[in-house]
Protein backbone atom coordinates (compact mmCIF):
# COMPACT_ATOMS: atom_id res chain seq x y z
CA MET A 1 -18.74 21.64 25.13
CA ASN A 2 -18.85 20.88 21.37
CA SER A 3 -18.40 16.95 21.21
CA ILE A 4 -18.95 16.67 17.59
CA ILE A 5 -15.61 14.93 15.75
CA THR A 6 -14.66 17.34 13.05
CA THR A 7 -11.90 17.02 10.39
CA GLU A 8 -10.40 20.28 12.09
CA ARG A 9 -10.12 18.62 15.61
CA THR A 10 -8.88 15.20 13.96
CA ASP A 11 -6.23 17.10 12.15
CA ALA A 12 -5.56 19.11 15.67
CA TYR A 13 -5.55 15.66 17.51
CA CYS A 14 -2.89 13.95 15.19
CA LEU A 15 -0.64 17.14 15.28
CA SER A 16 -0.69 16.77 19.27
CA LEU A 17 0.39 12.91 18.61
CA LEU A 18 3.00 13.92 16.25
CA ALA A 19 4.56 16.35 18.89
CA ASP A 20 4.35 13.51 21.45
CA GLU A 21 6.79 12.00 19.01
CA ARG A 22 4.57 9.02 18.06
CA SER A 23 5.39 7.20 14.77
CA ALA A 24 3.84 7.89 11.69
CA GLY A 25 2.31 4.30 11.66
CA THR A 26 0.73 4.97 15.08
CA ILE A 27 -0.82 8.34 13.86
CA SER A 28 -2.25 7.04 10.91
CA LYS A 29 -3.74 4.10 12.65
CA TYR A 30 -5.28 6.51 15.37
CA ARG A 31 -6.56 8.54 12.58
CA ARG A 32 -8.28 5.73 10.80
CA ASP A 33 -10.02 4.45 14.16
CA LEU A 34 -11.23 8.02 14.96
CA THR A 35 -12.74 8.51 11.25
CA ALA A 36 -14.26 4.96 11.59
CA PHE A 37 -15.88 6.43 14.85
CA ALA A 38 -17.01 9.58 13.27
CA ARG A 39 -18.50 7.95 10.33
CA TRP A 40 -20.39 5.69 12.58
CA LEU A 41 -21.61 8.41 14.50
CA ASP A 42 -22.96 10.03 11.48
CA GLY A 43 -23.09 13.62 13.14
CA ARG A 44 -24.11 12.65 16.69
CA THR A 45 -22.02 13.86 19.50
CA VAL A 46 -19.53 12.06 21.48
CA THR A 47 -21.30 10.83 24.74
CA LYS A 48 -20.81 7.81 26.90
CA GLU A 49 -23.68 6.10 25.52
CA THR A 50 -22.45 6.48 21.71
CA ALA A 51 -19.03 5.49 22.93
CA ALA A 52 -20.30 2.35 24.31
CA GLY A 53 -22.74 1.89 21.53
CA TRP A 54 -19.64 1.68 19.07
CA LYS A 55 -17.99 -0.67 21.33
CA SER A 56 -21.15 -2.91 21.10
CA HIS A 57 -21.18 -2.32 17.38
CA LEU A 58 -17.78 -3.59 16.76
CA SER A 59 -18.52 -6.63 18.75
CA HIS A 60 -21.41 -7.39 17.03
CA ARG A 61 -19.64 -6.96 13.56
CA GLY A 62 -17.33 -9.82 14.70
CA TYR A 63 -13.90 -7.79 15.63
CA ALA A 64 -11.40 -9.63 17.29
CA PRO A 65 -11.27 -8.12 21.19
CA ARG A 66 -7.83 -7.11 20.78
CA THR A 67 -8.82 -5.06 17.79
CA ILE A 68 -11.75 -3.47 19.46
CA ASN A 69 -9.55 -2.49 22.39
CA SER A 70 -7.23 -0.88 20.09
CA MET A 71 -9.78 1.00 18.35
CA LEU A 72 -11.15 1.95 21.84
CA ALA A 73 -7.61 3.03 22.77
CA SER A 74 -7.53 5.30 19.78
CA LEU A 75 -11.08 6.88 20.95
CA ASN A 76 -9.74 7.35 24.68
CA SER A 77 -6.76 9.27 23.54
CA PHE A 78 -8.81 11.58 21.71
CA CYS A 79 -11.25 12.30 24.19
CA ARG A 80 -8.22 12.89 26.78
CA PHE A 81 -6.93 15.57 24.10
CA ALA A 82 -10.47 16.98 23.69
CA GLY A 83 -11.08 17.25 27.31
CA LEU A 84 -14.08 14.99 27.17
CA PRO A 85 -14.92 13.20 30.38
CA ILE A 86 -15.34 9.86 28.59
CA LYS A 87 -13.07 6.75 29.04
CA VAL A 88 -14.80 3.38 27.61
CA LYS A 89 -13.59 0.22 29.32
CA PHE A 90 -11.58 -2.33 27.65
CA LEU A 91 -12.80 -6.00 26.79
CA LYS A 92 -11.09 -8.54 29.08
CA ILE A 93 -8.79 -10.50 27.26
CA GLN A 94 -6.86 -13.47 28.76
CA ARG A 95 -2.92 -13.03 28.02
CA GLN A 96 -1.65 -15.71 25.97
CA ILE A 97 1.86 -14.46 25.28
CA PHE A 98 4.48 -16.80 26.51
CA ARG A 99 2.03 -18.82 28.59
CA ASP A 100 3.94 -21.88 28.13
CA SER A 101 6.28 -23.08 30.67
CA ALA A 102 9.98 -22.88 30.01
CA LYS A 103 10.22 -26.74 29.97
CA GLU A 104 7.28 -26.89 27.30
CA LEU A 105 9.09 -24.30 25.30
CA THR A 106 12.39 -26.15 25.14
CA LYS A 107 10.56 -29.28 24.24
CA ALA A 108 8.37 -27.95 21.72
CA GLY A 109 10.65 -25.22 19.96
CA ARG A 110 7.79 -23.02 19.58
CA ALA A 111 5.57 -20.64 21.24
CA THR A 112 1.95 -19.65 20.61
CA ILE A 113 0.86 -15.95 20.76
CA THR A 114 -2.33 -13.79 20.11
CA LEU A 115 -1.67 -10.71 18.37
CA LYS A 116 -4.08 -8.29 16.51
CA GLY A 117 -6.90 -11.01 16.52
CA LYS A 118 -4.69 -13.51 15.04
CA ILE A 119 -3.07 -16.40 16.66
CA ARG A 120 0.60 -17.11 15.41
CA THR A 121 3.08 -19.91 16.08
CA ILE A 122 6.48 -18.39 16.59
CA LEU A 123 9.37 -20.85 15.99
CA LEU A 124 12.21 -20.63 18.37
CA PRO A 125 15.91 -21.49 17.76
CA ALA A 126 17.42 -24.18 19.81
CA LYS A 127 19.88 -21.95 21.18
CA LEU A 128 17.28 -19.26 22.20
CA CYS A 129 15.28 -22.09 23.84
CA CYS A 130 18.63 -23.12 26.12
CA LYS A 131 18.77 -19.20 26.95
CA LEU A 132 15.24 -19.23 28.16
CA MET A 133 15.56 -22.19 30.24
CA GLN A 134 18.76 -20.77 31.87
CA TYR A 135 16.95 -17.58 32.47
CA ALA A 136 13.78 -19.30 33.98
CA LYS A 137 16.17 -21.59 35.96
CA LYS A 138 17.95 -18.47 37.24
CA GLN A 139 14.70 -16.62 38.22
CA LYS A 140 13.00 -19.75 39.71
CA ILE A 141 10.41 -19.81 37.06
CA ALA A 142 8.99 -23.29 36.76
CA ALA A 143 5.60 -22.59 34.66
CA GLY A 144 3.65 -19.53 33.21
CA GLU A 145 5.12 -16.22 31.81
CA ILE A 146 8.92 -16.02 31.58
CA PHE A 147 9.33 -12.14 31.30
CA LEU A 148 7.98 -10.94 34.42
CA THR A 149 7.87 -7.46 36.27
CA SER A 150 9.24 -7.06 40.10
CA SER A 151 5.97 -7.24 41.09
CA GLY A 152 5.60 -10.89 39.32
CA LYS A 153 3.22 -9.70 36.39
CA GLY A 154 3.70 -10.24 32.70
CA ILE A 155 5.50 -7.41 31.27
CA SER A 156 3.66 -5.25 28.47
CA ARG A 157 4.40 -3.80 25.05
CA ARG A 158 4.65 -0.48 26.78
CA GLN A 159 7.09 -1.61 29.22
CA VAL A 160 9.22 -3.14 26.35
CA TRP A 161 9.15 0.22 24.52
CA TYR A 162 10.07 2.09 27.73
CA GLU A 163 13.19 -0.27 28.05
CA LEU A 164 14.16 0.32 24.58
CA LYS A 165 13.85 4.09 24.99
CA ARG A 166 16.10 4.07 28.04
CA LEU A 167 18.46 2.04 26.54
CA CYS A 168 18.92 4.72 23.46
CA LYS A 169 21.00 7.24 25.50
CA THR A 170 23.64 4.76 26.44
CA ALA A 171 23.80 3.32 22.93
CA ARG A 172 23.89 6.60 21.38
CA VAL A 173 20.82 6.26 19.18
CA GLU A 174 17.89 8.56 18.33
CA PRO A 175 15.07 7.64 20.34
CA THR A 176 12.80 8.63 17.72
CA LYS A 177 13.90 5.70 15.47
CA VAL A 178 13.72 3.08 18.20
CA PHE A 179 10.29 1.01 18.58
CA PRO A 180 9.69 -2.57 19.53
CA HIS A 181 8.58 -3.13 15.77
CA ASN A 182 12.04 -2.66 14.66
CA LEU A 183 13.11 -5.91 16.00
CA ARG A 184 10.44 -7.65 13.51
CA HIS A 185 12.07 -5.71 10.62
CA LEU A 186 15.58 -6.72 12.05
CA PHE A 187 14.55 -10.33 11.78
CA ALA A 188 12.78 -9.96 8.49
CA THR A 189 15.87 -8.60 6.65
CA THR A 190 18.34 -10.81 8.33
CA PHE A 191 16.08 -13.93 7.31
CA TYR A 192 16.09 -12.85 4.06
CA ARG A 193 19.64 -12.34 3.74
CA VAL A 194 20.15 -15.68 4.62
CA CYS A 195 17.62 -17.64 2.73
CA ARG A 196 16.50 -15.12 -0.03
CA ASP A 197 12.94 -16.82 -0.09
CA ILE A 198 10.41 -14.14 0.19
CA VAL A 199 7.56 -16.59 0.36
CA ARG A 200 9.16 -18.58 3.13
CA LEU A 201 9.41 -15.12 4.97
CA ALA A 202 5.97 -14.20 4.61
CA ASP A 203 4.96 -17.67 6.24
CA VAL A 204 7.30 -17.13 8.96
CA LEU A 205 6.08 -13.38 9.45
CA GLY A 206 2.42 -14.68 9.16
CA HIS A 207 1.62 -12.32 6.18
CA SER A 208 -1.26 -13.06 3.79
CA SER A 209 0.33 -11.00 1.25
CA ILE A 210 3.78 -10.88 -0.04
CA ASP A 211 3.34 -7.43 -0.70
CA THR A 212 3.29 -6.69 3.11
CA THR A 213 6.39 -8.75 3.23
CA HIS A 214 8.11 -6.66 0.59
CA ILE A 215 7.78 -3.52 2.67
CA TYR A 216 10.16 -5.01 5.21
CA LEU A 217 12.84 -5.48 2.74
CA MET A 218 12.93 -2.23 1.23
CA VAL A 219 16.34 -0.49 1.47
CA SER A 220 17.59 2.91 1.48
CA GLY A 221 18.90 4.58 -1.40
CA ALA A 222 22.57 4.76 -0.45
CA GLU A 223 22.38 0.55 0.18
CA GLN A 224 21.16 0.53 -3.36
CA GLN A 225 23.98 2.48 -4.30
CA ARG A 226 26.51 0.44 -2.70
CA HIS A 227 25.08 -2.50 -4.66
CA LEU A 228 25.31 -0.85 -7.86
CA ASP A 229 29.02 0.14 -7.22
CA ARG A 230 29.85 -3.51 -6.65
CA LEU A 231 28.40 -4.46 -9.91
CA GLY A 232 31.50 -2.96 -11.68
CA LEU A 233 29.44 -2.33 -14.68
CA VAL A 234 31.68 0.99 -15.47
CA SER A 235 35.49 0.56 -15.54
């Protein structure tokens, strides 16, 4: 079995992701990870040993565990597509999302999360804290994660993704346009409309560059046209 990563196989893999209705950002990310792995292989074949070697290489280079696992997910996905009997085990990471108790959340008005190798502090509005307290009390949750599955485990991003897709039919929204990240975009645009301060927004979102924040604020041509029409420049 030919297990050398070529440009042709990478292109075919990305086309399969497109057929699975993966977002453009996801496809680009998987291609980038696979290209990085192929560059590290330098012509060698994909084996359990080389895959494990890449995992060690990323660790020695100082990549954050979550980043490494994300890159390994791309590799495992490609191996399934290529029919290669290879699956690299992920690094164990302690969950840190919503680890605070409901009482602590209300007192502090904030939550600490770990995402993409970064630790971020998320500020919580007072009304949201009250709703979280009410929900936790109803569910009889005194400490630990607030949002749990029926088995008592913390919900994952994939489960949030599934629930959003499930609601699309009821809301009559095209499922291919709905992703958890949409909520972050909604917050960014709403926040900016209220404060009109891109520097403050970049700080809240945890962006190191305002250029990244600006991408969240790009509007459609139709919306730009409406703004121009309201200016009344032509009588």
